[in-house]
Protein backbone atom coordinates (compact mmCIF):
# COMPACT_ATOMS: atom_id res chain seq x y z
CA MET A 1 93.20 97.51 147.17
CA ARG A 2 94.60 99.92 144.60
CA THR A 3 95.83 103.29 145.83
CA LEU A 4 95.73 106.51 143.89
CA ALA A 5 99.48 106.23 143.42
CA SER A 6 99.06 102.97 141.50
CA VAL A 7 96.46 104.38 139.09
CA PRO A 8 97.74 105.52 135.66
CA PHE A 9 98.54 109.23 135.57
CA ALA A 10 95.73 110.25 133.19
CA LEU A 11 93.12 108.42 135.27
CA ALA A 12 94.52 109.86 138.52
CA LEU A 13 94.33 113.35 137.08
CA THR A 14 90.72 112.76 136.10
CA ILE A 15 89.88 111.57 139.61
CA VAL A 16 91.55 114.57 141.25
CA LEU A 17 90.02 117.17 138.96
CA GLY A 18 86.63 115.54 139.13
CA GLY A 19 86.62 116.05 142.87
CA CYS A 20 87.64 119.75 142.74
CA HIS A 21 85.29 122.67 143.10
CA PRO A 22 85.80 125.94 141.16
CA SER A 23 87.94 128.46 143.00
CA PRO A 24 86.23 131.67 144.18
CA ALA A 25 88.09 133.64 141.52
CA SER A 26 86.75 131.47 138.69
CA ALA A 27 83.25 130.87 140.03
CA PRO A 28 80.42 132.96 138.56
CA ARG A 29 79.17 135.70 140.87
CA ASP A 30 75.94 134.89 142.64
CA ASP A 31 73.74 137.98 142.85
CA SER A 32 71.02 136.22 144.80
CA ASP A 33 70.34 137.02 148.43
CA SER A 34 72.29 135.23 151.13
CA ILE A 35 72.52 135.61 154.87
CA GLY A 36 73.30 139.25 155.60
CA ARG A 37 73.31 140.29 151.92
CA PHE A 38 70.30 141.77 150.14
CA ASN A 39 70.16 142.33 146.39
CA VAL A 40 68.05 145.37 145.44
CA HIS A 41 66.64 143.40 142.51
CA SER A 42 65.03 141.02 144.99
CA PHE A 43 63.04 144.00 146.28
CA GLY A 44 61.86 145.08 142.85
CA ALA A 45 64.58 147.48 141.66
CA LYS A 46 64.87 147.70 137.87
CA GLY A 47 68.07 149.67 137.31
CA ASP A 48 66.91 150.75 133.86
CA GLY A 49 67.53 154.50 134.33
CA LYS A 50 63.78 155.26 134.16
CA THR A 51 61.91 153.45 136.93
CA ASP A 52 61.64 155.02 140.39
CA ASP A 53 63.55 152.47 142.48
CA THR A 54 63.38 154.40 145.76
CA LYS A 55 60.93 152.01 147.49
CA ALA A 56 62.98 148.96 146.50
CA PHE A 57 66.22 150.48 147.82
CA GLN A 58 64.66 151.61 151.10
CA SER A 59 63.06 148.19 151.62
CA ALA A 60 66.44 146.53 151.07
CA LEU A 61 68.08 148.92 153.56
CA ASP A 62 65.36 148.25 156.13
CA ALA A 63 65.80 144.50 155.74
CA ALA A 64 69.60 144.70 155.97
CA ALA A 65 69.36 146.79 159.14
CA LYS A 66 67.71 143.89 161.00
CA VAL A 67 70.90 141.81 160.71
CA SER A 68 73.54 144.56 160.29
CA GLY A 69 73.81 143.44 156.70
CA THR A 70 74.81 144.71 153.26
CA VAL A 71 72.66 145.89 150.37
CA PHE A 72 74.17 144.81 147.06
CA VAL A 73 73.56 146.94 143.95
CA PRO A 74 74.39 145.22 140.65
CA ALA A 75 75.65 147.38 137.78
CA GLY A 76 72.89 149.54 136.34
CA THR A 77 71.37 153.00 136.60
CA TYR A 78 68.86 153.40 139.42
CA ARG A 79 66.63 156.46 139.85
CA VAL A 80 66.06 157.10 143.57
CA GLY A 81 65.02 159.79 146.03
CA LYS A 82 66.40 160.22 149.56
CA LEU A 83 67.56 156.97 151.18
CA VAL A 84 67.56 156.83 154.99
CA TRP A 85 70.28 154.74 156.61
CA HIS A 86 70.31 152.55 159.71
CA ASP A 87 73.03 151.53 162.18
CA PHE A 88 75.68 149.08 160.95
CA THR A 89 74.24 148.89 157.45
CA SER A 90 76.31 148.86 154.26
CA MET A 91 75.63 149.34 150.56
CA MET A 92 78.01 147.90 148.00
CA GLY A 93 78.11 148.15 144.22
CA ASP A 94 80.40 147.71 141.23
CA PRO A 95 82.77 150.75 141.04
CA GLY A 96 82.84 151.07 137.27
CA TRP A 97 83.19 154.87 137.06
CA SER A 98 86.02 156.69 135.31
CA TYR A 99 87.59 160.13 135.78
CA TYR A 100 84.61 162.02 134.41
CA VAL A 101 81.90 159.46 133.73
CA PRO A 102 79.70 157.60 136.26
CA GLY A 103 79.56 153.86 135.73
CA GLY A 104 79.01 150.48 137.32
CA SER A 105 76.35 150.82 140.00
CA VAL A 106 74.86 154.30 139.47
CA LEU A 107 72.32 155.96 141.78
CA GLU A 108 70.73 158.99 140.11
CA LEU A 109 68.70 161.52 142.10
CA ASN A 110 65.11 161.76 140.86
CA ASP A 111 63.61 164.06 143.52
CA PRO A 112 64.51 167.78 143.25
CA GLN A 113 62.78 168.40 146.62
CA ALA A 114 65.03 166.02 148.53
CA GLU A 115 67.58 167.45 150.97
CA CYS A 116 70.07 164.74 149.98
CA LEU A 117 70.45 161.41 148.23
CA ILE A 118 72.01 159.50 151.16
CA ASP A 119 71.01 160.36 154.75
CA PHE A 120 73.50 159.04 157.32
CA THR A 121 72.16 161.10 160.24
CA TYR A 122 72.68 159.47 163.64
CA CYS A 123 73.84 156.14 162.25
CA GLN A 124 76.75 154.17 163.62
CA GLY A 125 78.78 152.12 161.19
CA ALA A 126 77.19 153.36 157.95
CA ARG A 127 79.11 152.23 154.86
CA LEU A 128 79.11 153.04 151.12
CA HIS A 129 81.36 151.16 148.72
CA GLY A 130 81.69 151.17 144.94
CA LEU A 131 78.80 153.43 143.91
CA SER A 132 78.34 156.37 141.57
CA LEU A 133 76.08 158.97 143.21
CA VAL A 134 74.78 161.47 140.64
CA GLY A 135 72.72 164.55 141.55
CA ARG A 136 71.80 165.52 137.97
CA ASN A 137 71.90 169.16 139.18
CA LEU A 138 68.34 168.80 140.43
CA GLY A 139 66.76 171.08 143.01
CA LYS A 140 68.57 173.64 145.12
CA GLY A 141 71.11 172.90 147.83
CA VAL A 142 70.68 169.11 147.55
CA HIS A 143 73.62 167.22 149.09
CA GLY A 144 75.02 163.89 147.99
CA VAL A 145 75.65 162.40 151.45
CA LEU A 146 74.31 164.22 154.51
CA THR A 147 74.71 163.81 158.23
CA ARG A 148 72.72 166.49 160.04
CA ALA A 149 73.73 167.81 163.45
CA HIS A 150 72.33 165.69 166.26
CA GLU A 151 72.80 165.24 170.00
CA THR A 152 76.15 166.47 171.26
CA ASN A 153 77.92 166.42 174.56
CA GLU A 154 77.07 170.10 175.01
CA LYS A 155 73.53 169.02 175.91
CA PRO A 156 73.23 167.53 179.42
CA GLY A 157 72.48 163.84 179.26
CA LYS A 158 72.93 163.70 175.49
CA TRP A 159 76.11 162.25 174.00
CA LYS A 160 76.92 162.25 170.33
CA ARG A 161 77.75 158.68 169.41
CA GLU A 162 80.99 157.72 167.66
CA ASP A 163 79.14 157.11 164.43
CA PHE A 164 82.15 156.63 162.09
CA PRO A 165 80.74 156.43 158.55
CA ALA A 166 83.08 155.16 155.84
CA ILE A 167 82.83 155.91 152.11
CA GLU A 168 85.14 154.11 149.69
CA ARG A 169 85.60 153.89 145.90
CA CYS A 170 82.59 156.08 145.19
CA MET A 171 81.98 158.87 142.69
CA ILE A 172 79.86 161.78 143.94
CA ARG A 173 79.03 164.45 141.38
CA GLY A 174 76.36 166.78 140.02
CA PHE A 175 74.74 167.87 143.30
CA THR A 176 73.44 171.40 143.83
CA GLY A 177 74.66 171.39 147.43
CA ASN A 178 77.78 169.75 148.85
CA ALA A 179 78.87 166.34 147.67
CA LEU A 180 79.50 165.43 151.32
CA ASP A 181 77.97 167.48 154.13
CA MET A 182 79.02 165.72 157.32
CA ASP A 183 78.49 166.55 160.98
CA VAL A 184 79.85 163.43 162.66
CA TRP A 185 82.22 162.19 165.32
CA CYS A 186 84.74 160.49 163.02
CA LEU A 187 84.77 159.45 159.36
CA SER A 188 86.84 157.72 156.70
CA LEU A 189 86.94 158.72 153.03
CA ARG A 190 89.09 156.71 150.61
CA ALA A 191 89.66 156.36 146.86
CA CYS A 192 86.68 158.49 145.80
CA ALA A 193 86.12 160.96 142.95
CA ILE A 194 84.26 164.05 144.16
CA GLY A 195 83.73 166.78 141.62
CA TYR A 196 81.46 169.02 139.57
CA ASN A 197 79.16 169.87 142.47
CA GLN A 198 77.67 173.34 142.97
CA GLY A 199 78.65 173.43 146.64
CA ASP A 200 81.77 172.10 148.35
CA GLY A 201 83.24 168.74 147.56
CA PHE A 202 83.67 167.80 151.23
CA ASN A 203 82.29 169.97 154.00
CA TYR A 204 82.62 168.59 157.50
CA LYS A 205 82.16 169.79 161.08
CA HIS A 206 82.86 168.66 164.65
CA ALA A 207 84.71 165.59 163.40
CA ASP A 208 87.93 163.67 163.10
CA ALA A 209 88.68 162.47 159.58
CA MET A 210 90.95 160.12 157.64
CA VAL A 211 90.98 161.21 154.00
CA ILE A 212 93.25 159.20 151.71
CA ASP A 213 93.71 158.80 147.94
CA ASN A 214 90.74 160.89 146.77
CA TRP A 215 90.17 163.34 143.92
CA PHE A 216 88.38 166.67 144.61
CA SER A 217 87.94 168.67 141.42
CA ASN A 218 85.86 171.39 139.77
CA ASN A 219 83.49 172.04 142.64
CA GLN A 220 81.93 175.50 142.68
CA GLY A 221 82.63 175.77 146.41
CA ALA A 222 85.81 174.59 148.09
CA GLY A 223 87.27 171.19 147.41
CA ILE A 224 87.48 170.68 151.19
CA ARG A 225 85.97 173.03 153.78
CA ALA A 226 86.23 172.61 157.56
CA VAL A 227 85.48 175.84 159.40
CA GLN A 228 83.22 174.83 162.31
CA GLY A 229 85.45 172.88 164.64
CA THR A 230 87.38 169.76 163.56
CA GLY A 231 90.17 167.71 165.06
CA SER A 232 92.62 164.85 164.43
CA SER A 233 92.36 164.94 160.64
CA THR A 234 94.76 163.25 158.25
CA PHE A 235 94.90 164.11 154.54
CA THR A 236 97.30 161.98 152.50
CA ALA A 237 97.78 161.31 148.76
CA ASN A 238 94.77 163.35 147.62
CA ARG A 239 94.53 165.40 144.43
CA ILE A 240 92.68 168.66 145.09
CA GLU A 241 92.29 170.87 142.03
CA TRP A 242 90.35 173.50 140.08
CA ASN A 243 87.87 174.26 142.85
CA ARG A 244 86.23 177.70 142.61
CA GLY A 245 86.05 178.31 146.35
CA GLY A 246 89.67 177.34 147.01
CA ASN A 247 91.05 173.85 147.33
CA MET A 248 91.22 173.53 151.14
CA VAL A 249 89.76 176.09 153.56
CA VAL A 250 90.16 175.52 157.31
CA ARG A 251 89.33 177.40 160.51
CA ASN A 252 88.77 176.44 164.16
CA ALA A 253 90.68 173.19 163.84
CA TRP A 254 93.12 171.13 165.89
CA GLY A 255 95.55 168.29 165.24
CA TRP A 256 95.81 168.08 161.45
CA ASN A 257 98.38 166.23 159.32
CA ILE A 258 98.43 167.30 155.65
CA THR A 259 101.08 165.17 153.92
CA GLY A 260 101.90 164.14 150.36
CA ASN A 261 98.97 165.78 148.56
CA SER A 262 98.84 167.46 145.15
CA PHE A 263 97.06 170.86 145.07
CA ASP A 264 96.51 172.34 141.63
CA ARG A 265 94.99 175.47 140.05
CA ALA A 266 92.54 176.69 142.67
CA GLN A 267 90.64 179.94 142.48
CA GLY A 268 92.24 181.70 145.41
CA ALA A 269 94.61 179.93 147.77
CA SER A 270 95.00 176.17 147.45
CA LEU A 271 95.42 175.97 151.22
CA TYR A 272 93.99 178.66 153.49
CA LEU A 273 94.19 178.34 157.26
CA MET A 274 91.91 181.17 158.34
CA GLY A 275 92.55 181.33 162.08
CA ASN A 276 92.17 179.53 165.40
CA CYS A 277 94.14 176.54 164.07
CA HIS A 278 96.34 174.54 166.44
CA ASP A 279 98.98 171.83 165.96
CA PHE A 280 99.22 171.47 162.18
CA THR A 281 101.88 169.47 160.35
CA ILE A 282 102.03 170.28 156.63
CA THR A 283 104.81 168.50 154.80
CA GLY A 284 105.73 167.07 151.40
CA ASN A 285 102.88 168.66 149.45
CA LEU A 286 102.94 170.08 145.92
CA PHE A 287 101.10 173.34 145.21
CA LEU A 288 100.78 174.02 141.47
CA ARG A 289 99.67 177.26 139.73
CA SER A 290 97.13 178.24 142.39
CA GLY A 291 95.76 181.67 143.35
CA ALA A 292 94.14 181.85 139.93
CA VAL A 293 90.92 183.39 138.60
CA LEU A 294 88.78 180.60 137.15
CA GLU A 295 85.42 182.36 136.83
CA ARG A 296 84.97 185.33 134.53
CA GLY A 297 84.04 188.49 136.35
CA ILE A 298 85.63 187.35 139.61
CA ALA A 299 88.16 189.73 141.15
CA LEU A 300 90.35 188.18 143.84
CA GLU A 301 91.59 190.26 146.73
CA GLU A 302 95.34 190.83 146.82
CA HIS A 303 96.02 188.25 149.52
CA ASP A 304 93.85 185.64 147.81
CA ARG A 305 96.18 185.55 144.81
CA CYS A 306 98.55 183.13 146.54
CA ALA A 307 99.13 179.39 146.69
CA VAL A 308 99.18 179.02 150.49
CA ARG A 309 97.91 181.41 153.16
CA LEU A 310 98.57 180.61 156.83
CA VAL A 311 96.89 182.90 159.38
CA GLY A 312 96.42 182.44 163.11
CA VAL A 313 98.13 179.07 163.59
CA ASP A 314 99.66 178.00 166.92
CA GLY A 315 101.97 175.02 166.60
CA LEU A 316 102.66 174.85 162.86
CA THR A 317 105.26 172.71 161.11
CA PHE A 318 105.51 173.61 157.42
CA THR A 319 108.43 171.77 155.80
CA GLY A 320 109.44 170.16 152.53
CA ASN A 321 106.60 171.65 150.49
CA SER A 322 106.92 172.92 146.92
CA ILE A 323 105.03 175.88 145.45
CA THR A 324 105.39 176.61 141.75
CA VAL A 325 103.94 178.81 139.00
CA GLY A 326 101.88 178.10 135.89
CA GLY A 327 98.85 178.90 133.75
CA ASN A 328 96.07 176.86 132.18
CA ASP A 329 96.53 173.55 130.39
CA THR A 330 97.60 173.89 126.76
CA SER A 331 94.19 172.63 125.59
CA MET A 332 92.52 175.59 127.33
CA GLN A 333 92.45 179.30 126.80
CA LYS A 334 95.73 180.93 127.82
CA ALA A 335 95.62 182.57 131.23
CA VAL A 336 97.83 184.74 133.39
CA SER A 337 100.34 182.71 135.34
CA SER A 338 99.71 182.32 139.06
CA PRO A 339 100.19 182.58 141.98
CA GLU A 340 101.34 186.16 142.40
CA CYS A 341 102.67 185.25 145.85
CA GLY A 342 103.74 181.75 146.80
CA LEU A 343 103.21 181.84 150.57
CA ILE A 344 101.61 184.39 152.91
CA ILE A 345 102.02 184.08 156.70
CA ASN A 346 100.46 186.10 159.52
CA LYS A 347 99.87 185.76 163.29
CA LEU A 348 101.78 182.52 163.82
CA ASN A 349 102.89 181.18 167.18
CA HIS A 350 105.35 178.40 168.12
CA SER A 351 105.85 177.55 164.45
CA VAL A 352 108.59 176.48 162.04
CA LEU A 353 108.70 177.03 158.27
CA ILE A 354 111.89 175.43 157.06
CA GLY A 355 113.15 173.81 153.85
CA ASN A 356 110.36 174.71 151.45
CA ARG A 357 110.59 175.73 147.79
CA LEU A 358 108.49 178.87 147.30
CA ILE A 359 107.84 180.44 143.89
CA GLY A 360 105.53 183.26 142.80
CA THR A 361 105.13 185.53 139.80
CA LYS A 362 105.65 188.68 141.89
CA GLN A 363 106.70 187.51 145.35
CA SER A 364 107.64 184.17 146.79
CA LEU A 365 107.08 184.80 150.52
CA LEU A 366 105.06 187.56 152.16
CA ASP A 367 105.44 187.79 155.93
CA LEU A 368 102.73 190.05 157.38
CA GLY A 369 104.11 189.67 160.89
CA GLU A 370 102.13 189.98 164.14
CA HIS A 371 103.66 186.68 165.25
CA GLY A 372 103.84 185.41 168.81
CA ASP A 373 106.62 183.40 170.43
CA GLN A 374 109.20 181.25 168.65
CA VAL A 375 108.41 181.53 164.98
CA ILE A 376 111.29 180.27 162.82
CA VAL A 377 111.32 180.98 159.08
CA ARG A 378 114.58 179.97 157.40
CA ASP A 379 116.36 177.86 154.79
CA ASN A 380 113.59 178.20 152.20
CA VAL A 381 114.35 178.40 148.48
CA THR A 382 112.59 181.45 147.04
CA GLN A 383 112.23 182.40 143.36
CA ILE A 384 110.30 184.80 141.13
CA ARG A 385 109.07 183.51 137.74
CA PRO A 386 106.79 186.17 136.21
CA ASP A 387 106.69 184.77 132.68
CA THR A 388 106.12 181.08 133.28
CA VAL A 389 103.13 179.47 131.56
CA ALA A 390 102.29 175.81 132.26
CA LYS A 391 102.32 173.41 129.34
């Protein structure tokens, strides 16, 4: 009996290759349904940018919910109204969007009366991945992704579940409300582009959050707003810029880590801790040309013309941050350099502000006092640069 080793090389190679199957990387993608995966086209979605595909999408979500499955959305433009989620249900598309332009799998709002496009209320394990969500500026106060307040542990016998939605590699833009309006237990937000919404980019309450590698830009509200009780939040490697309501506005919060982010050109402070904040570590961040006026006719109060404003914080570590001065981009109309004041502090307790680089056009550090115990402010580099204009 001849073995493979005794067969001529060319014939052996033919035998081996003939018995091989294509690798997953080289195999064509199968968009048909499989166990646990439901293609919206199988439920009648057209994705032509004209047809109302709401019923097809909701039917696919309902089917996926029965097996904790995933709805797959091939590239295309789908017009839909509000979609109601279920526990442990995911939706996945092709993330073909760019910095400004939606692309890949695009869901466009077609109902101006809807309260939102995606409704995650009271769902555990809800997931979005690789989608462009576009509000088309329809209606009034319409959110991109919404989780309404539901049962909490303040009500006897009612416990708010650890719902933990996760949103990854999505674009959310053009909504008349907030891009994300979330009242949850815990959430994860990664690698998303959230901008050009009439409300806040990300507004969340009563939640822990992990927010990594996102872009929040040109929202009419704040880039990030958390003023109704949040805890254990981590913000890392995000770019937060050009938001009309400030870049990050926080109050009534506990246990935050804000590390390695880039804050740029906000109207008002890029980072504003407004009071009742406890145990914050803020380190290694860059604050560029903030405290600016971006809307004509807007007059900022004196203490809003700063890059960072820290008020009413107990247990603050603010180290290794850099605040600098600049104006508009060279392609834009020239503007007055900002901020006037780099850093403003007031009513701190058990806090350290050490080793920062603080620059302003008129003042680098303004200490308004009224501090409690053990507040250390030292070894900061301070400069005034009144004539600097960013290139």
